[in-house]
Protein backbone atom coordinates (compact mmCIF):
# COMPACT_ATOMS: atom_id res chain seq x y z
CA MET A 1 -7.48 35.43 84.41
CA LEU A 2 -8.65 32.24 86.27
CA PHE A 3 -11.35 34.41 88.08
CA LEU A 4 -13.22 35.66 85.02
CA TYR A 5 -16.84 36.06 85.88
CA ILE A 6 -19.86 34.99 84.12
CA GLU A 7 -22.90 36.76 84.72
CA GLN A 8 -26.25 34.91 84.50
CA GLY A 9 -29.70 35.84 85.52
CA GLY A 10 -28.01 38.77 87.65
CA LYS A 11 -25.69 36.26 89.65
CA LYS A 12 -21.93 36.11 89.11
CA MET A 13 -20.06 32.99 89.12
CA SER A 14 -16.11 32.65 88.12
CA ILE A 15 -15.15 30.26 85.69
CA VAL A 16 -13.21 28.35 88.45
CA GLN A 17 -16.19 27.98 90.30
CA ARG A 18 -18.18 26.72 87.35
CA ILE A 19 -15.55 24.09 86.74
CA ALA A 20 -15.40 22.86 90.05
CA LEU A 21 -19.19 22.69 90.16
CA ILE A 22 -18.98 20.34 87.17
CA PHE A 23 -16.53 18.18 88.88
CA THR A 24 -18.72 18.19 91.94
CA ILE A 25 -21.71 16.93 90.02
CA ILE A 26 -19.61 14.20 88.45
CA GLY A 27 -18.34 13.07 91.70
CA ALA A 28 -22.17 13.10 92.97
CA ILE A 29 -23.05 11.01 90.04
CA ASN A 30 -20.35 8.57 90.63
CA TRP A 31 -21.39 8.21 94.32
CA GLY A 32 -24.87 7.82 93.32
CA LEU A 33 -24.04 4.76 90.96
CA ILE A 34 -21.96 3.45 93.92
CA GLY A 35 -24.79 3.73 96.47
CA PHE A 36 -27.67 2.39 94.15
CA PHE A 37 -25.73 -0.02 91.84
CA ASN A 38 -22.51 -0.86 93.69
CA PHE A 39 -20.65 0.53 90.64
CA ASP A 40 -17.67 2.81 90.54
CA LEU A 41 -17.66 4.43 87.21
CA VAL A 42 -14.27 6.12 87.90
CA ALA A 43 -12.56 2.86 88.82
CA ALA A 44 -14.30 1.05 85.72
CA ILE A 45 -12.75 3.59 83.39
CA PHE A 46 -9.36 4.46 84.99
CA GLY A 47 -8.61 1.23 86.81
CA ASP A 48 -9.21 0.43 90.40
CA ASN A 49 -6.85 2.37 92.89
CA SER A 50 -4.75 3.53 89.96
CA ALA A 51 -2.89 6.64 90.26
CA ILE A 52 -5.20 8.23 87.75
CA SER A 53 -8.15 7.42 89.84
CA ARG A 54 -6.53 8.62 92.84
CA VAL A 55 -5.88 12.17 91.14
CA ILE A 56 -9.57 12.36 89.86
CA TYR A 57 -11.00 11.55 93.32
CA GLY A 58 -8.30 14.14 94.59
CA ILE A 59 -9.79 16.71 92.11
CA VAL A 60 -13.51 16.16 92.81
CA GLY A 61 -12.60 16.48 96.79
CA ILE A 62 -10.85 19.88 96.00
CA CYS A 63 -13.76 21.07 93.77
CA GLY A 64 -16.23 20.26 96.69
CA LEU A 65 -14.29 22.50 99.09
CA ILE A 66 -14.15 25.16 96.38
CA ASN A 67 -17.96 24.93 95.98
CA LEU A 68 -18.42 24.98 99.75
CA GLY A 69 -17.83 28.78 99.45
CA LEU A 70 -21.17 29.16 97.29
CA LEU A 71 -23.05 28.12 100.51
CA PHE A 72 -21.85 31.38 102.13
CA LYS A 73 -22.01 33.48 98.85
CA PRO A 74 -24.60 36.21 99.61
CA ASP A 75 -27.43 36.14 97.31
CA ALA A 76 -27.88 39.27 95.10
CA GLU A 77 -31.51 39.71 96.38
CA VAL A 78 -30.60 39.59 99.79
CA GLU A 79 -27.86 42.46 99.43
CA ARG A 80 -30.53 44.60 97.67
CA THR A 81 -32.92 44.23 100.33
CA THR A 82 -30.61 45.18 103.35
CA GLN A 83 -29.39 48.27 101.84
CA ALA A 84 -30.45 51.25 103.29
CA LYS A 85 -33.28 52.95 101.32
CA PRO A 86 -33.11 56.59 100.78
CA THR A 87 -35.68 58.65 102.46
CA ARG A 88 -37.53 61.60 101.06
């Protein structure tokens, strides 16, 4: 059940990958805030170096690893062009 697929524009992405992508985007925004404004949003909300903050950082890291698989997922168009075409 965790790997239900959602099809959008001819591409399939599992629900787990979508959730991981959302957490990865949140992590990227947090790193952007740290880099540009020296402001850690997670630490500001949940406390600096608290257990909850460390859990959130861990979840974002795991989600980044899950999304690493998206880099190596073949594109639907690439799959179609590499298939042998029937001859007459």
